[in-house]
Amino acid sequence: MNFQLDMIEDKIEFFEGTNLDTIEKQINEKIDQNKAIMLEVASVSHQMHVDGSGRRFYSAVVHFKLKKGY
């Protein structure tokens, strides 16, 4: 049996919620989890949408990359 591990070099995560605090908490938890597999934040993109009822909806995309030097 041949067993081989490959490093994850790029990973993109999507987050959504009805307030910024929720998304910020989700992103911070994911940053801590991804540190364990040697990934760091490369970029963050976010948007806010207001529906017809005036409710706000937030979304974010975080691009994680392998830490330099590995």
PDB file of N, CA and C in Angstrom:
ATOM      1  N   MET A   1       0.838  -1.169   0.000  1.00  0.00           N
ATOM      2  CA  MET A   1       0.000   0.000   0.000  1.00  0.00           C
ATOM      3  C   MET A   1       0.891   1.244   0.000  1.00  0.00           C
ATOM      4  N   ASN A   2       0.596   2.167  -0.897  1.00  0.00           N
ATOM      5  CA  ASN A   2       1.362   3.404  -1.018  1.00  0.00           C
ATOM      6  C   ASN A   2       0.568   4.540  -0.387  1.00  0.00           C
ATOM      7  N   PHE A   3       1.167   5.234   0.575  1.00  0.00           N
ATOM      8  CA  PHE A   3       0.506   6.314   1.302  1.00  0.00           C
ATOM      9  C   PHE A   3       1.285   7.597   1.078  1.00  0.00           C
ATOM     10  N   GLN A   4       0.607   8.643   0.580  1.00  0.00           N
ATOM     11  CA  GLN A   4       1.296   9.890   0.274  1.00  0.00           C
ATOM     12  C   GLN A   4       0.455  11.067   0.767  1.00  0.00           C
ATOM     13  N   LEU A   5       1.107  12.017   1.435  1.00  0.00           N
ATOM     14  CA  LEU A   5       0.437  13.234   1.891  1.00  0.00           C
ATOM     15  C   LEU A   5       0.869  14.401   1.016  1.00  0.00           C
ATOM     16  N   ASP A   6      -0.087  15.191   0.583  1.00  0.00           N
ATOM     17  CA  ASP A   6       0.213  16.392  -0.195  1.00  0.00           C
ATOM     18  C   ASP A   6      -0.176  17.612   0.619  1.00  0.00           C
ATOM     19  N   MET A   7       0.600  18.670   0.504  1.00  0.00           N
ATOM     20  CA  MET A   7       0.320  19.919   1.195  1.00  0.00           C
ATOM     21  C   MET A   7      -0.786  20.673   0.450  1.00  0.00           C
ATOM     22  N   ILE A   8      -1.697  21.261   1.196  1.00  0.00           N
ATOM     23  CA  ILE A   8      -2.696  22.147   0.601  1.00  0.00           C
ATOM     24  C   ILE A   8      -2.013  23.492   0.403  1.00  0.00           C
ATOM     25  N   GLU A   9      -1.993  23.993  -0.820  1.00  0.00           N
ATOM     26  CA  GLU A   9      -1.314  25.250  -1.102  1.00  0.00           C
ATOM     27  C   GLU A   9      -2.273  26.428  -1.169  1.00  0.00           C
ATOM     28  N   ASP A  10      -3.476  26.205  -1.623  1.00  0.00           N
ATOM     29  CA  ASP A  10      -4.494  27.249  -1.738  1.00  0.00           C
ATOM     30  C   ASP A  10      -5.828  26.707  -1.254  1.00  0.00           C
ATOM     31  N   LYS A  11      -6.584  27.566  -0.585  1.00  0.00           N
ATOM     32  CA  LYS A  11      -7.900  27.167  -0.092  1.00  0.00           C
ATOM     33  C   LYS A  11      -8.764  28.420  -0.040  1.00  0.00           C
ATOM     34  N   ILE A  12      -9.979  28.332  -0.541  1.00  0.00           N
ATOM     35  CA  ILE A  12     -10.899  29.463  -0.520  1.00  0.00           C
ATOM     36  C   ILE A  12     -12.109  29.078   0.316  1.00  0.00           C
ATOM     37  N   GLU A  13     -12.467  29.949   1.255  1.00  0.00           N
ATOM     38  CA  GLU A  13     -13.599  29.714   2.156  1.00  0.00           C
ATOM     39  C   GLU A  13     -14.619  30.826   1.960  1.00  0.00           C
ATOM     40  N   PHE A  14     -15.909  30.465   2.043  1.00  0.00           N
ATOM     41  CA  PHE A  14     -17.004  31.407   1.882  1.00  0.00           C
ATOM     42  C   PHE A  14     -17.775  31.513   3.195  1.00  0.00           C
ATOM     43  N   PHE A  15     -18.179  32.731   3.545  1.00  0.00           N
ATOM     44  CA  PHE A  15     -18.897  32.980   4.785  1.00  0.00           C
ATOM     45  C   PHE A  15     -20.090  33.886   4.492  1.00  0.00           C
ATOM     46  N   GLU A  16     -21.178  33.700   5.246  1.00  0.00           N
ATOM     47  CA  GLU A  16     -22.337  34.560   5.078  1.00  0.00           C
ATOM     48  C   GLU A  16     -23.080  34.692   6.398  1.00  0.00           C
ATOM     49  N   GLY A  17     -23.778  35.803   6.548  1.00  0.00           N
ATOM     50  CA  GLY A  17     -24.524  36.026   7.772  1.00  0.00           C
ATOM     51  C   GLY A  17     -25.327  37.310   7.706  1.00  0.00           C
ATOM     52  N   THR A  18     -26.095  37.540   8.747  1.00  0.00           N
ATOM     53  CA  THR A  18     -26.948  38.730   8.784  1.00  0.00           C
ATOM     54  C   THR A  18     -26.329  39.871   9.569  1.00  0.00           C
ATOM     55  N   ASN A  19     -25.144  39.643  10.156  1.00  0.00           N
ATOM     56  CA  ASN A  19     -24.433  40.752  10.812  1.00  0.00           C
ATOM     57  C   ASN A  19     -22.929  40.508  10.730  1.00  0.00           C
ATOM     58  N   LEU A  20     -22.189  41.590  10.862  1.00  0.00           N
ATOM     59  CA  LEU A  20     -20.733  41.512  10.717  1.00  0.00           C
ATOM     60  C   LEU A  20     -20.067  40.737  11.848  1.00  0.00           C
ATOM     61  N   ASP A  21     -20.624  40.816  13.045  1.00  0.00           N
ATOM     62  CA  ASP A  21     -20.024  40.096  14.181  1.00  0.00           C
ATOM     63  C   ASP A  21     -19.995  38.592  13.940  1.00  0.00           C
ATOM     64  N   THR A  22     -21.069  38.065  13.361  1.00  0.00           N
ATOM     65  CA  THR A  22     -21.147  36.626  13.076  1.00  0.00           C
ATOM     66  C   THR A  22     -20.080  36.218  12.065  1.00  0.00           C
ATOM     67  N   ILE A  23     -19.972  36.980  10.995  1.00  0.00           N
ATOM     68  CA  ILE A  23     -18.985  36.660   9.965  1.00  0.00           C
ATOM     69  C   ILE A  23     -17.565  36.797  10.515  1.00  0.00           C
ATOM     70  N   GLU A  24     -17.329  37.847  11.293  1.00  0.00           N
ATOM     71  CA  GLU A  24     -15.994  38.031  11.869  1.00  0.00           C
ATOM     72  C   GLU A  24     -15.622  36.856  12.771  1.00  0.00           C
ATOM     73  N   LYS A  25     -16.561  36.379  13.564  1.00  0.00           N
ATOM     74  CA  LYS A  25     -16.303  35.232  14.441  1.00  0.00           C
ATOM     75  C   LYS A  25     -15.998  33.977  13.613  1.00  0.00           C
ATOM     76  N   GLN A  26     -16.788  33.737  12.550  1.00  0.00           N
ATOM     77  CA  GLN A  26     -16.567  32.573  11.689  1.00  0.00           C
ATOM     78  C   GLN A  26     -15.190  32.626  11.033  1.00  0.00           C
ATOM     79  N   ILE A  27     -14.814  33.798  10.539  1.00  0.00           N
ATOM     80  CA  ILE A  27     -13.525  33.948   9.867  1.00  0.00           C
ATOM     81  C   ILE A  27     -12.382  33.733  10.853  1.00  0.00           C
ATOM     82  N   ASN A  28     -12.481  34.310  12.048  1.00  0.00           N
ATOM     83  CA  ASN A  28     -11.421  34.134  13.046  1.00  0.00           C
ATOM     84  C   ASN A  28     -11.262  32.682  13.462  1.00  0.00           C
ATOM     85  N   GLU A  29     -12.370  31.961  13.598  1.00  0.00           N
ATOM     86  CA  GLU A  29     -12.291  30.528  13.925  1.00  0.00           C
ATOM     87  C   GLU A  29     -11.602  29.761  12.803  1.00  0.00           C
ATOM     88  N   LYS A  30     -11.937  30.094  11.555  1.00  0.00           N
ATOM     89  CA  LYS A  30     -11.341  29.401  10.413  1.00  0.00           C
ATOM     90  C   LYS A  30      -9.858  29.740  10.279  1.00  0.00           C
ATOM     91  N   ILE A  31      -9.476  30.968  10.601  1.00  0.00           N
ATOM     92  CA  ILE A  31      -8.051  31.338  10.578  1.00  0.00           C
ATOM     93  C   ILE A  31      -7.282  30.477  11.567  1.00  0.00           C
ATOM     94  N   ASP A  32      -7.818  30.314  12.777  1.00  0.00           N
ATOM     95  CA  ASP A  32      -7.155  29.467  13.781  1.00  0.00           C
ATOM     96  C   ASP A  32      -7.049  28.021  13.317  1.00  0.00           C
ATOM     97  N   GLN A  33      -8.108  27.503  12.694  1.00  0.00           N
ATOM     98  CA  GLN A  33      -8.087  26.122  12.202  1.00  0.00           C
ATOM     99  C   GLN A  33      -7.066  25.950  11.084  1.00  0.00           C
ATOM    100  N   ASN A  34      -6.998  26.910  10.181  1.00  0.00           N
ATOM    101  CA  ASN A  34      -6.100  26.794   9.038  1.00  0.00           C
ATOM    102  C   ASN A  34      -4.632  27.001   9.415  1.00  0.00           C
ATOM    103  N   LYS A  35      -4.366  27.665  10.535  1.00  0.00           N
ATOM    104  CA  LYS A  35      -2.982  27.779  11.012  1.00  0.00           C
ATOM    105  C   LYS A  35      -2.403  26.399  11.286  1.00  0.00           C
ATOM    106  N   ALA A  36      -3.263  25.484  11.734  1.00  0.00           N
ATOM    107  CA  ALA A  36      -2.808  24.126  12.049  1.00  0.00           C
ATOM    108  C   ALA A  36      -2.326  23.385  10.807  1.00  0.00           C
ATOM    109  N   ILE A  37      -2.842  23.756   9.641  1.00  0.00           N
ATOM    110  CA  ILE A  37      -2.394  23.114   8.394  1.00  0.00           C
ATOM    111  C   ILE A  37      -1.512  24.073   7.585  1.00  0.00           C
ATOM    112  N   MET A  38      -0.891  25.030   8.305  1.00  0.00           N
ATOM    113  CA  MET A  38       0.107  25.950   7.766  1.00  0.00           C
ATOM    114  C   MET A  38      -0.412  26.849   6.648  1.00  0.00           C
ATOM    115  N   LEU A  39      -1.666  27.294   6.766  1.00  0.00           N
ATOM    116  CA  LEU A  39      -2.220  28.242   5.801  1.00  0.00           C
ATOM    117  C   LEU A  39      -2.395  29.593   6.470  1.00  0.00           C
ATOM    118  N   GLU A  40      -2.160  30.661   5.700  1.00  0.00           N
ATOM    119  CA  GLU A  40      -2.377  32.002   6.205  1.00  0.00           C
ATOM    120  C   GLU A  40      -3.265  32.774   5.224  1.00  0.00           C
ATOM    121  N   VAL A  41      -3.858  33.863   5.682  1.00  0.00           N
ATOM    122  CA  VAL A  41      -4.765  34.657   4.859  1.00  0.00           C
ATOM    123  C   VAL A  41      -3.972  35.390   3.791  1.00  0.00           C
ATOM    124  N   ALA A  42      -4.395  35.222   2.538  1.00  0.00           N
ATOM    125  CA  ALA A  42      -3.772  35.928   1.422  1.00  0.00           C
ATOM    126  C   ALA A  42      -4.613  37.139   1.031  1.00  0.00           C
ATOM    127  N   SER A  43      -5.946  36.990   1.067  1.00  0.00           N
ATOM    128  CA  SER A  43      -6.816  38.115   0.739  1.00  0.00           C
ATOM    129  C   SER A  43      -8.218  37.861   1.282  1.00  0.00           C
ATOM    130  N   VAL A  44      -8.943  38.964   1.456  1.00  0.00           N
ATOM    131  CA  VAL A  44     -10.327  38.913   1.925  1.00  0.00           C
ATOM    132  C   VAL A  44     -11.151  39.833   1.045  1.00  0.00           C
ATOM    133  N   SER A  45     -12.327  39.355   0.626  1.00  0.00           N
ATOM    134  CA  SER A  45     -13.258  40.158  -0.151  1.00  0.00           C
ATOM    135  C   SER A  45     -14.620  40.047   0.512  1.00  0.00           C
ATOM    136  N   HIS A  46     -15.358  41.144   0.565  1.00  0.00           N
ATOM    137  CA  HIS A  46     -16.664  41.089   1.222  1.00  0.00           C
ATOM    138  C   HIS A  46     -17.672  41.965   0.499  1.00  0.00           C
ATOM    139  N   GLN A  47     -18.951  41.652   0.732  1.00  0.00           N
ATOM    140  CA  GLN A  47     -20.044  42.414   0.136  1.00  0.00           C
ATOM    141  C   GLN A  47     -21.189  42.501   1.122  1.00  0.00           C
ATOM    142  N   MET A  48     -22.032  43.533   0.921  1.00  0.00           N
ATOM    143  CA  MET A  48     -23.236  43.692   1.716  1.00  0.00           C
ATOM    144  C   MET A  48     -24.396  43.928   0.763  1.00  0.00           C
ATOM    145  N   HIS A  49     -25.513  43.267   1.034  1.00  0.00           N
ATOM    146  CA  HIS A  49     -26.706  43.396   0.201  1.00  0.00           C
ATOM    147  C   HIS A  49     -27.873  43.777   1.102  1.00  0.00           C
ATOM    148  N   VAL A  50     -28.695  44.717   0.653  1.00  0.00           N
ATOM    149  CA  VAL A  50     -29.909  45.090   1.382  1.00  0.00           C
ATOM    150  C   VAL A  50     -31.094  44.615   0.550  1.00  0.00           C
ATOM    151  N   ASP A  51     -31.949  43.762   1.159  1.00  0.00           N
ATOM    152  CA  ASP A  51     -33.109  43.264   0.416  1.00  0.00           C
ATOM    153  C   ASP A  51     -34.247  44.292   0.446  1.00  0.00           C
ATOM    154  N   GLY A  52     -35.354  43.973  -0.182  1.00  0.00           N
ATOM    155  CA  GLY A  52     -36.490  44.878  -0.283  1.00  0.00           C
ATOM    156  C   GLY A  52     -37.084  45.265   1.060  1.00  0.00           C
ATOM    157  N   SER A  53     -36.886  44.450   2.068  1.00  0.00           N
ATOM    158  CA  SER A  53     -37.401  44.723   3.417  1.00  0.00           C
ATOM    159  C   SER A  53     -36.436  45.564   4.246  1.00  0.00           C
ATOM    160  N   GLY A  54     -35.269  45.880   3.701  1.00  0.00           N
ATOM    161  CA  GLY A  54     -34.276  46.654   4.430  1.00  0.00           C
ATOM    162  C   GLY A  54     -33.334  45.816   5.269  1.00  0.00           C
ATOM    163  N   ARG A  55     -33.453  44.488   5.187  1.00  0.00           N
ATOM    164  CA  ARG A  55     -32.547  43.612   5.940  1.00  0.00           C
ATOM    165  C   ARG A  55     -31.205  43.540   5.232  1.00  0.00           C
ATOM    166  N   ARG A  56     -30.163  43.558   6.019  1.00  0.00           N
ATOM    167  CA  ARG A  56     -28.808  43.476   5.477  1.00  0.00           C
ATOM    168  C   ARG A  56     -28.325  42.042   5.479  1.00  0.00           C
ATOM    169  N   PHE A  57     -27.591  41.699   4.442  1.00  0.00           N
ATOM    170  CA  PHE A  57     -27.016  40.368   4.296  1.00  0.00           C
ATOM    171  C   PHE A  57     -25.559  40.543   3.903  1.00  0.00           C
ATOM    172  N   TYR A  58     -24.671  39.923   4.666  1.00  0.00           N
ATOM    173  CA  TYR A  58     -23.236  40.068   4.448  1.00  0.00           C
ATOM    174  C   TYR A  58     -22.639  38.759   3.946  1.00  0.00           C
ATOM    175  N   SER A  59     -21.649  38.881   3.073  1.00  0.00           N
ATOM    176  CA  SER A  59     -20.910  37.703   2.630  1.00  0.00           C
ATOM    177  C   SER A  59     -19.432  38.070   2.514  1.00  0.00           C
ATOM    178  N   ALA A  60     -18.593  37.056   2.673  1.00  0.00           N
ATOM    179  CA  ALA A  60     -17.144  37.272   2.582  1.00  0.00           C
ATOM    180  C   ALA A  60     -16.487  36.042   1.977  1.00  0.00           C
ATOM    181  N   VAL A  61     -15.403  36.287   1.280  1.00  0.00           N
ATOM    182  CA  VAL A  61     -14.574  35.228   0.705  1.00  0.00           C
ATOM    183  C   VAL A  61     -13.162  35.438   1.222  1.00  0.00           C
ATOM    184  N   VAL A  62     -12.570  34.382   1.785  1.00  0.00           N
ATOM    185  CA  VAL A  62     -11.211  34.465   2.300  1.00  0.00           C
ATOM    186  C   VAL A  62     -10.347  33.460   1.539  1.00  0.00           C
ATOM    187  N   HIS A  63      -9.238  33.963   0.996  1.00  0.00           N
ATOM    188  CA  HIS A  63      -8.302  33.113   0.263  1.00  0.00           C
ATOM    189  C   HIS A  63      -7.131  32.819   1.190  1.00  0.00           C
ATOM    190  N   PHE A  64      -6.920  31.549   1.477  1.00  0.00           N
ATOM    191  CA  PHE A  64      -5.799  31.105   2.311  1.00  0.00           C
ATOM    192  C   PHE A  64      -4.719  30.519   1.407  1.00  0.00           C
ATOM    193  N   LYS A  65      -3.461  30.800   1.741  1.00  0.00           N
ATOM    194  CA  LYS A  65      -2.331  30.252   0.992  1.00  0.00           C
ATOM    195  C   LYS A  65      -1.348  29.627   1.971  1.00  0.00           C
ATOM    196  N   LEU A  66      -0.560  28.702   1.464  1.00  0.00           N
ATOM    197  CA  LEU A  66       0.492  28.071   2.248  1.00  0.00           C
ATOM    198  C   LEU A  66       1.464  29.125   2.750  1.00  0.00           C
ATOM    199  N   LYS A  67       1.852  29.034   4.010  1.00  0.00           N
ATOM    200  CA  LYS A  67       2.803  29.992   4.576  1.00  0.00           C
ATOM    201  C   LYS A  67       4.114  29.925   3.824  1.00  0.00           C
ATOM    202  N   LYS A  68       4.726  31.054   3.647  1.00  0.00           N
ATOM    203  CA  LYS A  68       6.011  31.106   2.944  1.00  0.00           C
ATOM    204  C   LYS A  68       7.075  30.361   3.747  1.00  0.00           C
ATOM    205  N   GLY A  69       7.947  29.680   3.039  1.00  0.00           N
ATOM    206  CA  GLY A  69       9.026  28.945   3.694  1.00  0.00           C
ATOM    207  C   GLY A  69       8.716  27.462   3.851  1.00  0.00           C
ATOM    208  N   TYR A  70       7.542  27.010   3.386  1.00  0.00           N
ATOM    209  CA  TYR A  70       7.207  25.589   3.488  1.00  0.00           C
ATOM    210  C   TYR A  70       7.074  24.968   2.138  1.00  0.00           C
TER     211      TYR A  70
END
